[in-house]
């Protein structure tokens, strides 16, 4: 699994938990629709920290809260 795939899975999980649409997350975070679609399809080769921070803010979370998930503990994670 890549970092981008892990971020996409975490976003999907939080969208379901918070009963939030991708559109609402885009508006809350300030991330453009095309960029969010690229993240969610894990087509990116990498994702920047500031983008992850914007996503976390869109969920009204800190970066640490966003990253506090077992998906990011994967020892085999590919770092692009």
C-alpha atoms as a PDB file:
ATOM      1  CA  UNK A   1       0.000   0.000   0.000  1.00  0.00           C
ATOM      2  CA  UNK A   2       1.227   3.495  -0.809  1.00  0.00           C
ATOM      3  CA  UNK A   3       0.883   6.586   1.348  1.00  0.00           C
ATOM      4  CA  UNK A   4      -1.658   7.976  -1.136  1.00  0.00           C
ATOM      5  CA  UNK A   5      -3.746   4.830  -0.909  1.00  0.00           C
ATOM      6  CA  UNK A   6      -3.631   4.987   2.891  1.00  0.00           C
ATOM      7  CA  UNK A   7      -4.753   8.633   2.882  1.00  0.00           C
ATOM      8  CA  UNK A   8      -7.611   7.800   0.496  1.00  0.00           C
ATOM      9  CA  UNK A   9      -8.748   4.918   2.713  1.00  0.00           C
ATOM     10  CA  UNK A  10      -8.586   7.108   5.817  1.00  0.00           C
ATOM     11  CA  UNK A  11     -10.615   9.826   4.083  1.00  0.00           C
ATOM     12  CA  UNK A  12     -13.245   7.277   2.986  1.00  0.00           C
ATOM     13  CA  UNK A  13     -13.470   5.902   6.519  1.00  0.00           C
ATOM     14  CA  UNK A  14     -13.918   9.374   8.010  1.00  0.00           C
ATOM     15  CA  UNK A  15     -16.483  10.391   5.391  1.00  0.00           C
ATOM     16  CA  UNK A  16     -18.570   7.385   6.407  1.00  0.00           C
ATOM     17  CA  UNK A  17     -18.060   7.893  10.150  1.00  0.00           C
ATOM     18  CA  UNK A  18     -18.991  11.565   9.965  1.00  0.00           C
ATOM     19  CA  UNK A  19     -21.758  11.031   7.392  1.00  0.00           C
ATOM     20  CA  UNK A  20     -20.087  13.660   5.228  1.00  0.00           C
ATOM     21  CA  UNK A  21     -19.994  13.958   1.458  1.00  0.00           C
ATOM     22  CA  UNK A  22     -16.805  14.393  -0.523  1.00  0.00           C
ATOM     23  CA  UNK A  23     -18.252  17.702  -1.748  1.00  0.00           C
ATOM     24  CA  UNK A  24     -18.627  18.961   1.847  1.00  0.00           C
ATOM     25  CA  UNK A  25     -15.051  17.913   2.632  1.00  0.00           C
ATOM     26  CA  UNK A  26     -13.819  19.766  -0.448  1.00  0.00           C
ATOM     27  CA  UNK A  27     -15.634  22.925   0.651  1.00  0.00           C
ATOM     28  CA  UNK A  28     -14.491  22.626   4.283  1.00  0.00           C
ATOM     29  CA  UNK A  29     -10.873  21.949   3.342  1.00  0.00           C
ATOM     30  CA  UNK A  30     -10.503  24.273   0.353  1.00  0.00           C
ATOM     31  CA  UNK A  31      -9.258  21.439  -1.849  1.00  0.00           C
ATOM     32  CA  UNK A  32     -10.416  21.587  -5.458  1.00  0.00           C
ATOM     33  CA  UNK A  33     -12.660  18.826  -6.783  1.00  0.00           C
ATOM     34  CA  UNK A  34     -10.102  17.573  -9.329  1.00  0.00           C
ATOM     35  CA  UNK A  35      -7.408  17.368  -6.689  1.00  0.00           C
ATOM     36  CA  UNK A  36      -9.688  15.495  -4.292  1.00  0.00           C
ATOM     37  CA  UNK A  37     -10.715  13.059  -7.038  1.00  0.00           C
ATOM     38  CA  UNK A  38      -7.055  12.440  -7.785  1.00  0.00           C
ATOM     39  CA  UNK A  39      -6.385  11.764  -4.094  1.00  0.00           C
ATOM     40  CA  UNK A  40      -9.404   9.500  -3.716  1.00  0.00           C
ATOM     41  CA  UNK A  41      -8.474   7.423  -6.760  1.00  0.00           C
ATOM     42  CA  UNK A  42      -4.878   7.236  -5.452  1.00  0.00           C
ATOM     43  CA  UNK A  43      -3.593   8.320  -8.869  1.00  0.00           C
ATOM     44  CA  UNK A  44      -1.071  10.658  -7.283  1.00  0.00           C
ATOM     45  CA  UNK A  45       2.503   9.472  -6.951  1.00  0.00           C
ATOM     46  CA  UNK A  46       2.722  11.329  -3.671  1.00  0.00           C
ATOM     47  CA  UNK A  47       0.770  13.641  -1.422  1.00  0.00           C
ATOM     48  CA  UNK A  48       2.124  16.730   0.268  1.00  0.00           C
ATOM     49  CA  UNK A  49       1.883  17.294   3.982  1.00  0.00           C
ATOM     50  CA  UNK A  50       0.050  20.591   3.523  1.00  0.00           C
ATOM     51  CA  UNK A  51      -2.645  18.743   1.540  1.00  0.00           C
ATOM     52  CA  UNK A  52      -3.070  16.200   4.333  1.00  0.00           C
ATOM     53  CA  UNK A  53      -3.290  19.091   6.802  1.00  0.00           C
ATOM     54  CA  UNK A  54      -6.028  20.711   4.690  1.00  0.00           C
ATOM     55  CA  UNK A  55      -7.948  17.427   4.639  1.00  0.00           C
ATOM     56  CA  UNK A  56      -7.641  17.103   8.419  1.00  0.00           C
ATOM     57  CA  UNK A  57      -8.916  20.661   8.870  1.00  0.00           C
ATOM     58  CA  UNK A  58     -11.808  19.842   6.549  1.00  0.00           C
ATOM     59  CA  UNK A  59     -12.794  17.155   9.024  1.00  0.00           C
ATOM     60  CA  UNK A  60     -12.247  19.630  11.903  1.00  0.00           C
ATOM     61  CA  UNK A  61      -9.400  17.466  13.164  1.00  0.00           C
ATOM     62  CA  UNK A  62      -5.773  18.034  13.935  1.00  0.00           C
ATOM     63  CA  UNK A  63      -3.171  16.411  11.729  1.00  0.00           C
ATOM     64  CA  UNK A  64      -2.326  14.042  14.589  1.00  0.00           C
ATOM     65  CA  UNK A  65      -5.962  12.980  14.904  1.00  0.00           C
ATOM     66  CA  UNK A  66      -6.132  12.299  11.172  1.00  0.00           C
ATOM     67  CA  UNK A  67      -2.958  10.215  11.237  1.00  0.00           C
ATOM     68  CA  UNK A  68      -4.017   8.338  14.391  1.00  0.00           C
ATOM     69  CA  UNK A  69      -5.219   5.255  12.543  1.00  0.00           C
ATOM     70  CA  UNK A  70      -3.774   1.779  12.249  1.00  0.00           C
ATOM     71  CA  UNK A  71      -3.645   2.114   8.457  1.00  0.00           C
ATOM     72  CA  UNK A  72      -0.609   4.378   8.859  1.00  0.00           C
ATOM     73  CA  UNK A  73       1.192   1.770  10.995  1.00  0.00           C
ATOM     74  CA  UNK A  74       1.684  -0.566   8.048  1.00  0.00           C
ATOM     75  CA  UNK A  75       5.362  -1.484   8.028  1.00  0.00           C
ATOM     76  CA  UNK A  76       5.244  -2.404   4.329  1.00  0.00           C
ATOM     77  CA  UNK A  77       3.904   0.984   3.246  1.00  0.00           C
ATOM     78  CA  UNK A  78       5.536   2.236   0.070  1.00  0.00           C
ATOM     79  CA  UNK A  79       6.838   5.755   0.359  1.00  0.00           C
ATOM     80  CA  UNK A  80       6.808   7.447  -3.008  1.00  0.00           C
END
